[in-house]
Every structure is written in structure tokens, then in C-alpha cells.
């Protein structure tokens, strides 16, 4: 909201017009998409991917598995877990 020069309430109201997700859930979904790409296509280490996409704790394991049906470690190269 701050970066767009609007109040939080106005930002959320405008965001709702273009997305069915809340801003927080939209950001999490985008981070999960980036994480999925880095793990699957670039075979990066799980811990490195977490840090790069901005996750600060391991709750992401649950969110990743819920979104993609597999844990993130299943995509990483065996030596990169």
C-alpha cells in the first residue's frame, strides 16, 4: 500500500478488484511458483531457495506440499537437500 501511495484499506479494496486472493496469499503463491521453478528446473538446494524467495521459516513446507502435492525435497537434486 505504501509503495502505491494508498492506504492499506484502499489498496486491499483495489487489489480485490483484480484478484480473488488477498495480497498476502498472492505474494505467497508467487513465491511458491518461483520456488517450484528453482527446485525443478535449476535443481537448487531447498534451503537456498527458501532464503531466495523470502521464506523465514519451514511453514513453507506445508504450503508447498498443499499447492503442488509433493514436498519441495522431492524436486531438489538428491545431493541438494
PDB file of N, CA and C in Angstrom:
ATOM      1  N   UNK A   1       0.832  -1.179   0.000  1.00  0.00           N
ATOM      2  CA  UNK A   1       0.000   0.000   0.000  1.00  0.00           C
ATOM      3  C   UNK A   1       0.884   1.252   0.000  1.00  0.00           C
ATOM      4  N   UNK A   2       1.915   1.225   0.805  1.00  0.00           N
ATOM      5  CA  UNK A   2       2.805   2.384   0.907  1.00  0.00           C
ATOM      6  C   UNK A   2       3.441   2.715  -0.447  1.00  0.00           C
ATOM      7  N   UNK A   3       3.924   1.708  -1.141  1.00  0.00           N
ATOM      8  CA  UNK A   3       4.588   1.940  -2.428  1.00  0.00           C
ATOM      9  C   UNK A   3       3.653   2.498  -3.492  1.00  0.00           C
ATOM     10  N   UNK A   4       2.371   2.230  -3.342  1.00  0.00           N
ATOM     11  CA  UNK A   4       1.403   2.729  -4.325  1.00  0.00           C
ATOM     12  C   UNK A   4       0.773   4.048  -3.898  1.00  0.00           C
ATOM     13  N   UNK A   5       1.141   4.529  -2.716  1.00  0.00           N
ATOM     14  CA  UNK A   5       0.640   5.805  -2.245  1.00  0.00           C
ATOM     15  C   UNK A   5      -0.805   5.766  -1.778  1.00  0.00           C
ATOM     16  N   UNK A   6      -1.271   4.592  -1.346  1.00  0.00           N
ATOM     17  CA  UNK A   6      -2.651   4.446  -0.893  1.00  0.00           C
ATOM     18  C   UNK A   6      -2.682   3.903   0.525  1.00  0.00           C
ATOM     19  N   UNK A   7      -3.803   4.087   1.169  1.00  0.00           N
ATOM     20  CA  UNK A   7      -3.974   3.488   2.494  1.00  0.00           C
ATOM     21  C   UNK A   7      -4.095   1.980   2.327  1.00  0.00           C
ATOM     22  N   UNK A   8      -3.882   1.275   3.417  1.00  0.00           N
ATOM     23  CA  UNK A   8      -3.974  -0.189   3.368  1.00  0.00           C
ATOM     24  C   UNK A   8      -5.368  -0.631   2.957  1.00  0.00           C
ATOM     25  N   UNK A   9      -6.376   0.023   3.499  1.00  0.00           N
ATOM     26  CA  UNK A   9      -7.765  -0.347   3.170  1.00  0.00           C
ATOM     27  C   UNK A   9      -8.053  -0.133   1.687  1.00  0.00           C
ATOM     28  N   UNK A  10      -7.602   0.989   1.145  1.00  0.00           N
ATOM     29  CA  UNK A  10      -7.820   1.269  -0.279  1.00  0.00           C
ATOM     30  C   UNK A  10      -7.058   0.286  -1.152  1.00  0.00           C
ATOM     31  N   UNK A  11      -5.829  -0.011  -0.768  1.00  0.00           N
ATOM     32  CA  UNK A  11      -5.036  -0.968  -1.530  1.00  0.00           C
ATOM     33  C   UNK A  11      -5.720  -2.331  -1.568  1.00  0.00           C
ATOM     34  N   UNK A  12      -6.166  -2.809  -0.402  1.00  0.00           N
ATOM     35  CA  UNK A  12      -6.834  -4.109  -0.356  1.00  0.00           C
ATOM     36  C   UNK A  12      -8.117  -4.114  -1.179  1.00  0.00           C
ATOM     37  N   UNK A  13      -8.866  -3.028  -1.112  1.00  0.00           N
ATOM     38  CA  UNK A  13     -10.113  -2.928  -1.891  1.00  0.00           C
ATOM     39  C   UNK A  13      -9.797  -2.963  -3.390  1.00  0.00           C
ATOM     40  N   UNK A  14      -8.787  -2.215  -3.825  1.00  0.00           N
ATOM     41  CA  UNK A  14      -8.404  -2.215  -5.239  1.00  0.00           C
ATOM     42  C   UNK A  14      -7.837  -3.563  -5.666  1.00  0.00           C
ATOM     43  N   UNK A  15      -7.073  -4.192  -4.788  1.00  0.00           N
ATOM     44  CA  UNK A  15      -6.491  -5.499  -5.096  1.00  0.00           C
ATOM     45  C   UNK A  15      -7.593  -6.531  -5.291  1.00  0.00           C
ATOM     46  N   UNK A  16      -8.625  -6.438  -4.479  1.00  0.00           N
ATOM     47  CA  UNK A  16      -9.737  -7.381  -4.573  1.00  0.00           C
ATOM     48  C   UNK A  16     -10.438  -7.298  -5.927  1.00  0.00           C
ATOM     49  N   UNK A  17     -10.364  -6.145  -6.572  1.00  0.00           N
ATOM     50  CA  UNK A  17     -10.982  -5.974  -7.886  1.00  0.00           C
ATOM     51  C   UNK A  17     -10.255  -6.766  -8.973  1.00  0.00           C
ATOM     52  N   UNK A  18      -8.968  -7.043  -8.779  1.00  0.00           N
ATOM     53  CA  UNK A  18      -8.184  -7.724  -9.814  1.00  0.00           C
ATOM     54  C   UNK A  18      -7.758  -9.145  -9.436  1.00  0.00           C
ATOM     55  N   UNK A  19      -8.003  -9.542  -8.183  1.00  0.00           N
ATOM     56  CA  UNK A  19      -7.590 -10.877  -7.758  1.00  0.00           C
ATOM     57  C   UNK A  19      -8.554 -11.420  -6.719  1.00  0.00           C
ATOM     58  N   UNK A  20      -8.794 -12.703  -6.785  1.00  0.00           N
ATOM     59  CA  UNK A  20      -9.636 -13.357  -5.786  1.00  0.00           C
ATOM     60  C   UNK A  20      -8.852 -13.620  -4.502  1.00  0.00           C
ATOM     61  N   UNK A  21      -7.537 -13.486  -4.572  1.00  0.00           N
ATOM     62  CA  UNK A  21      -6.675 -13.719  -3.418  1.00  0.00           C
ATOM     63  C   UNK A  21      -6.421 -12.422  -2.661  1.00  0.00           C
ATOM     64  N   UNK A  22      -6.094 -12.555  -1.388  1.00  0.00           N
ATOM     65  CA  UNK A  22      -5.647 -11.393  -0.626  1.00  0.00           C
ATOM     66  C   UNK A  22      -4.220 -11.074  -1.083  1.00  0.00           C
ATOM     67  N   UNK A  23      -3.740  -9.862  -0.842  1.00  0.00           N
ATOM     68  CA  UNK A  23      -2.362  -9.550  -1.233  1.00  0.00           C
ATOM     69  C   UNK A  23      -1.349 -10.515  -0.615  1.00  0.00           C
ATOM     70  N   UNK A  24      -1.548 -10.887   0.648  1.00  0.00           N
ATOM     71  CA  UNK A  24      -0.629 -11.811   1.307  1.00  0.00           C
ATOM     72  C   UNK A  24      -0.626 -13.174   0.623  1.00  0.00           C
ATOM     73  N   UNK A  25      -1.807 -13.713   0.338  1.00  0.00           N
ATOM     74  CA  UNK A  25      -1.877 -15.020  -0.318  1.00  0.00           C
ATOM     75  C   UNK A  25      -1.332 -14.957  -1.744  1.00  0.00           C
ATOM     76  N   UNK A  26      -1.538 -13.828  -2.419  1.00  0.00           N
ATOM     77  CA  UNK A  26      -0.992 -13.661  -3.772  1.00  0.00           C
ATOM     78  C   UNK A  26       0.531 -13.700  -3.729  1.00  0.00           C
ATOM     79  N   UNK A  27       1.127 -13.000  -2.762  1.00  0.00           N
ATOM     80  CA  UNK A  27       2.588 -12.999  -2.632  1.00  0.00           C
ATOM     81  C   UNK A  27       3.126 -14.386  -2.307  1.00  0.00           C
ATOM     82  N   UNK A  28       2.442 -15.108  -1.430  1.00  0.00           N
ATOM     83  CA  UNK A  28       2.872 -16.472  -1.097  1.00  0.00           C
ATOM     84  C   UNK A  28       2.795 -17.362  -2.326  1.00  0.00           C
ATOM     85  N   UNK A  29       1.707 -17.245  -3.090  1.00  0.00           N
ATOM     86  CA  UNK A  29       1.563 -18.059  -4.293  1.00  0.00           C
ATOM     87  C   UNK A  29       2.690 -17.769  -5.292  1.00  0.00           C
ATOM     88  N   UNK A  30       3.020 -16.502  -5.489  1.00  0.00           N
ATOM     89  CA  UNK A  30       4.095 -16.143  -6.417  1.00  0.00           C
ATOM     90  C   UNK A  30       5.438 -16.680  -5.924  1.00  0.00           C
ATOM     91  N   UNK A  31       5.679 -16.596  -4.618  1.00  0.00           N
ATOM     92  CA  UNK A  31       6.922 -17.131  -4.064  1.00  0.00           C
ATOM     93  C   UNK A  31       6.991 -18.642  -4.245  1.00  0.00           C
ATOM     94  N   UNK A  32       5.873 -19.319  -4.067  1.00  0.00           N
ATOM     95  CA  UNK A  32       5.842 -20.772  -4.287  1.00  0.00           C
ATOM     96  C   UNK A  32       6.126 -21.110  -5.742  1.00  0.00           C
ATOM     97  N   UNK A  33       5.597 -20.333  -6.664  1.00  0.00           N
ATOM     98  CA  UNK A  33       5.854 -20.566  -8.086  1.00  0.00           C
ATOM     99  C   UNK A  33       7.338 -20.413  -8.409  1.00  0.00           C
ATOM    100  N   UNK A  34       7.960 -19.384  -7.847  1.00  0.00           N
ATOM    101  CA  UNK A  34       9.397 -19.173  -8.064  1.00  0.00           C
ATOM    102  C   UNK A  34      10.181 -20.324  -7.444  1.00  0.00           C
ATOM    103  N   UNK A  35       9.807 -20.724  -6.226  1.00  0.00           N
ATOM    104  CA  UNK A  35      10.486 -21.833  -5.558  1.00  0.00           C
ATOM    105  C   UNK A  35      10.368 -23.116  -6.379  1.00  0.00           C
ATOM    106  N   UNK A  36       9.184 -23.384  -6.888  1.00  0.00           N
ATOM    107  CA  UNK A  36       8.972 -24.585  -7.701  1.00  0.00           C
ATOM    108  C   UNK A  36       9.905 -24.569  -8.918  1.00  0.00           C
ATOM    109  N   UNK A  37       9.972 -23.440  -9.590  1.00  0.00           N
ATOM    110  CA  UNK A  37      10.843 -23.328 -10.763  1.00  0.00           C
ATOM    111  C   UNK A  37      12.313 -23.547 -10.387  1.00  0.00           C
ATOM    112  N   UNK A  38      12.763 -22.905  -9.324  1.00  0.00           N
ATOM    113  CA  UNK A  38      14.170 -23.038  -8.925  1.00  0.00           C
ATOM    114  C   UNK A  38      14.505 -24.468  -8.527  1.00  0.00           C
ATOM    115  N   UNK A  39      13.584 -25.146  -7.872  1.00  0.00           N
ATOM    116  CA  UNK A  39      13.837 -26.527  -7.462  1.00  0.00           C
ATOM    117  C   UNK A  39      13.779 -27.490  -8.635  1.00  0.00           C
ATOM    118  N   UNK A  40      12.781 -27.343  -9.468  1.00  0.00           N
ATOM    119  CA  UNK A  40      12.582 -28.301 -10.556  1.00  0.00           C
ATOM    120  C   UNK A  40      13.499 -28.049 -11.742  1.00  0.00           C
ATOM    121  N   UNK A  41      13.568 -26.823 -12.192  1.00  0.00           N
ATOM    122  CA  UNK A  41      14.322 -26.516 -13.411  1.00  0.00           C
ATOM    123  C   UNK A  41      15.812 -26.272 -13.162  1.00  0.00           C
ATOM    124  N   UNK A  42      16.124 -25.642 -12.046  1.00  0.00           N
ATOM    125  CA  UNK A  42      17.528 -25.304 -11.791  1.00  0.00           C
ATOM    126  C   UNK A  42      18.186 -26.219 -10.774  1.00  0.00           C
ATOM    127  N   UNK A  43      17.382 -27.149 -10.215  1.00  0.00           N
ATOM    128  CA  UNK A  43      17.893 -28.159  -9.273  1.00  0.00           C
ATOM    129  C   UNK A  43      18.681 -27.522  -8.128  1.00  0.00           C
ATOM    130  N   UNK A  44      18.118 -26.471  -7.558  1.00  0.00           N
ATOM    131  CA  UNK A  44      18.771 -25.742  -6.477  1.00  0.00           C
ATOM    132  C   UNK A  44      18.524 -26.415  -5.133  1.00  0.00           C
ATOM    133  N   UNK A  45      19.313 -26.061  -4.130  1.00  0.00           N
ATOM    134  CA  UNK A  45      19.149 -26.574  -2.776  1.00  0.00           C
ATOM    135  C   UNK A  45      17.898 -25.961  -2.154  1.00  0.00           C
ATOM    136  N   UNK A  46      17.172 -26.787  -1.411  1.00  0.00           N
ATOM    137  CA  UNK A  46      15.934 -26.333  -0.791  1.00  0.00           C
ATOM    138  C   UNK A  46      16.188 -25.142   0.130  1.00  0.00           C
ATOM    139  N   UNK A  47      17.199 -25.227   0.983  1.00  0.00           N
ATOM    140  CA  UNK A  47      17.462 -24.127   1.930  1.00  0.00           C
ATOM    141  C   UNK A  47      17.833 -22.842   1.207  1.00  0.00           C
ATOM    142  N   UNK A  48      18.536 -22.939   0.098  1.00  0.00           N
ATOM    143  CA  UNK A  48      18.890 -21.747  -0.672  1.00  0.00           C
ATOM    144  C   UNK A  48      17.661 -21.121  -1.315  1.00  0.00           C
ATOM    145  N   UNK A  49      16.791 -21.973  -1.813  1.00  0.00           N
ATOM    146  CA  UNK A  49      15.560 -21.487  -2.448  1.00  0.00           C
ATOM    147  C   UNK A  49      14.692 -20.779  -1.421  1.00  0.00           C
ATOM    148  N   UNK A  50      14.553 -21.358  -0.233  1.00  0.00           N
ATOM    149  CA  UNK A  50      13.754 -20.716   0.816  1.00  0.00           C
ATOM    150  C   UNK A  50      14.244 -19.307   1.077  1.00  0.00           C
ATOM    151  N   UNK A  51      15.538 -19.170   1.245  1.00  0.00           N
ATOM    152  CA  UNK A  51      16.106 -17.853   1.540  1.00  0.00           C
ATOM    153  C   UNK A  51      15.903 -16.895   0.369  1.00  0.00           C
ATOM    154  N   UNK A  52      16.097 -17.380  -0.830  1.00  0.00           N
ATOM    155  CA  UNK A  52      15.993 -16.515  -2.008  1.00  0.00           C
ATOM    156  C   UNK A  52      14.586 -15.978  -2.237  1.00  0.00           C
ATOM    157  N   UNK A  53      13.587 -16.799  -2.008  1.00  0.00           N
ATOM    158  CA  UNK A  53      12.213 -16.330  -2.241  1.00  0.00           C
ATOM    159  C   UNK A  53      11.622 -15.637  -1.024  1.00  0.00           C
ATOM    160  N   UNK A  54      12.354 -15.603   0.090  1.00  0.00           N
ATOM    161  CA  UNK A  54      11.942 -14.806   1.234  1.00  0.00           C
ATOM    162  C   UNK A  54      11.199 -15.508   2.340  1.00  0.00           C
ATOM    163  N   UNK A  55      11.219 -16.832   2.365  1.00  0.00           N
ATOM    164  CA  UNK A  55      10.562 -17.534   3.465  1.00  0.00           C
ATOM    165  C   UNK A  55      11.500 -17.585   4.655  1.00  0.00           C
ATOM    166  N   UNK A  56      10.943 -17.295   5.824  1.00  0.00           N
ATOM    167  CA  UNK A  56      11.773 -17.203   7.020  1.00  0.00           C
ATOM    168  C   UNK A  56      11.645 -18.398   7.947  1.00  0.00           C
ATOM    169  N   UNK A  57      10.723 -19.306   7.658  1.00  0.00           N
ATOM    170  CA  UNK A  57      10.588 -20.496   8.494  1.00  0.00           C
ATOM    171  C   UNK A  57      10.100 -21.660   7.637  1.00  0.00           C
ATOM    172  N   UNK A  58       9.963 -22.786   8.248  1.00  0.00           N
ATOM    173  CA  UNK A  58       9.638 -24.000   7.494  1.00  0.00           C
ATOM    174  C   UNK A  58       8.150 -24.226   7.284  1.00  0.00           C
ATOM    175  N   UNK A  59       7.313 -23.237   7.613  1.00  0.00           N
ATOM    176  CA  UNK A  59       5.882 -23.357   7.295  1.00  0.00           C
ATOM    177  C   UNK A  59       5.679 -23.516   5.796  1.00  0.00           C
ATOM    178  N   UNK A  60       6.653 -23.084   5.047  1.00  0.00           N
ATOM    179  CA  UNK A  60       6.568 -23.181   3.594  1.00  0.00           C
ATOM    180  C   UNK A  60       6.476 -24.634   3.144  1.00  0.00           C
ATOM    181  N   UNK A  61       7.037 -25.558   3.912  1.00  0.00           N
ATOM    182  CA  UNK A  61       6.950 -26.978   3.552  1.00  0.00           C
ATOM    183  C   UNK A  61       5.495 -27.397   3.412  1.00  0.00           C
ATOM    184  N   UNK A  62       4.673 -27.002   4.357  1.00  0.00           N
ATOM    185  CA  UNK A  62       3.250 -27.339   4.315  1.00  0.00           C
ATOM    186  C   UNK A  62       2.574 -26.658   3.121  1.00  0.00           C
ATOM    187  N   UNK A  63       2.845 -25.374   2.924  1.00  0.00           N
ATOM    188  CA  UNK A  63       2.218 -24.626   1.829  1.00  0.00           C
ATOM    189  C   UNK A  63       2.631 -25.197   0.476  1.00  0.00           C
ATOM    190  N   UNK A  64       3.897 -25.552   0.328  1.00  0.00           N
ATOM    191  CA  UNK A  64       4.398 -26.112  -0.930  1.00  0.00           C
ATOM    192  C   UNK A  64       3.708 -27.439  -1.223  1.00  0.00           C
ATOM    193  N   UNK A  65       3.663 -28.307  -0.219  1.00  0.00           N
ATOM    194  CA  UNK A  65       3.052 -29.619  -0.413  1.00  0.00           C
ATOM    195  C   UNK A  65       1.558 -29.484  -0.704  1.00  0.00           C
ATOM    196  N   UNK A  66       0.903 -28.560  -0.022  1.00  0.00           N
ATOM    197  CA  UNK A  66      -0.523 -28.340  -0.252  1.00  0.00           C
ATOM    198  C   UNK A  66      -0.769 -27.855  -1.681  1.00  0.00           C
ATOM    199  N   UNK A  67       0.090 -26.978  -2.178  1.00  0.00           N
ATOM    200  CA  UNK A  67      -0.091 -26.399  -3.525  1.00  0.00           C
ATOM    201  C   UNK A  67       0.260 -27.392  -4.637  1.00  0.00           C
ATOM    202  N   UNK A  68       1.371 -28.121  -4.465  1.00  0.00           N
ATOM    203  CA  UNK A  68       1.873 -28.981  -5.549  1.00  0.00           C
ATOM    204  C   UNK A  68       1.702 -30.480  -5.309  1.00  0.00           C
ATOM    205  N   UNK A  69       1.296 -30.873  -4.123  1.00  0.00           N
ATOM    206  CA  UNK A  69       1.057 -32.285  -3.840  1.00  0.00           C
ATOM    207  C   UNK A  69       2.297 -33.091  -3.521  1.00  0.00           C
ATOM    208  N   UNK A  70       3.445 -32.452  -3.492  1.00  0.00           N
ATOM    209  CA  UNK A  70       4.703 -33.117  -3.154  1.00  0.00           C
ATOM    210  C   UNK A  70       5.536 -32.174  -2.289  1.00  0.00           C
ATOM    211  N   UNK A  71       6.399 -32.730  -1.455  1.00  0.00           N
ATOM    212  CA  UNK A  71       7.265 -31.848  -0.674  1.00  0.00           C
ATOM    213  C   UNK A  71       8.355 -31.254  -1.566  1.00  0.00           C
ATOM    214  N   UNK A  72       8.884 -30.096  -1.216  1.00  0.00           N
ATOM    215  CA  UNK A  72       9.914 -29.486  -2.050  1.00  0.00           C
ATOM    216  C   UNK A  72      11.162 -30.351  -2.191  1.00  0.00           C
ATOM    217  N   UNK A  73      11.450 -31.165  -1.198  1.00  0.00           N
ATOM    218  CA  UNK A  73      12.627 -32.025  -1.281  1.00  0.00           C
ATOM    219  C   UNK A  73      12.511 -33.059  -2.397  1.00  0.00           C
ATOM    220  N   UNK A  74      11.306 -33.353  -2.851  1.00  0.00           N
ATOM    221  CA  UNK A  74      11.119 -34.313  -3.942  1.00  0.00           C
ATOM    222  C   UNK A  74      11.585 -33.739  -5.276  1.00  0.00           C
ATOM    223  N   UNK A  75      11.665 -32.421  -5.384  1.00  0.00           N
ATOM    224  CA  UNK A  75      12.102 -31.789  -6.631  1.00  0.00           C
ATOM    225  C   UNK A  75      13.593 -31.505  -6.661  1.00  0.00           C
ATOM    226  N   UNK A  76      14.172 -31.304  -5.501  1.00  0.00           N
ATOM    227  CA  UNK A  76      15.592 -30.963  -5.441  1.00  0.00           C
ATOM    228  C   UNK A  76      16.425 -32.179  -5.831  1.00  0.00           C
ATOM    229  N   UNK A  77      17.597 -31.904  -6.362  1.00  0.00           N
ATOM    230  CA  UNK A  77      18.531 -32.990  -6.674  1.00  0.00           C
ATOM    231  C   UNK A  77      18.881 -33.711  -5.379  1.00  0.00           C
ATOM    232  N   UNK A  78      19.065 -35.021  -5.413  1.00  0.00           N
ATOM    233  CA  UNK A  78      19.337 -35.781  -4.183  1.00  0.00           C
ATOM    234  C   UNK A  78      20.474 -35.224  -3.330  1.00  0.00           C
ATOM    235  N   UNK A  79      21.497 -34.689  -3.952  1.00  0.00           N
ATOM    236  CA  UNK A  79      22.623 -34.164  -3.182  1.00  0.00           C
ATOM    237  C   UNK A  79      22.396 -32.726  -2.757  1.00  0.00           C
ATOM    238  N   UNK A  80      21.245 -32.154  -3.116  1.00  0.00           N
ATOM    239  CA  UNK A  80      20.990 -30.732  -2.833  1.00  0.00           C
ATOM    240  C   UNK A  80      19.937 -30.514  -1.766  1.00  0.00           C
ATOM    241  N   UNK A  81      19.634 -31.518  -0.978  1.00  0.00           N
ATOM    242  CA  UNK A  81      18.586 -31.373   0.029  1.00  0.00           C
ATOM    243  C   UNK A  81      19.158 -30.853   1.264  1.00  0.00           C
TER     244      UNK A  81
END
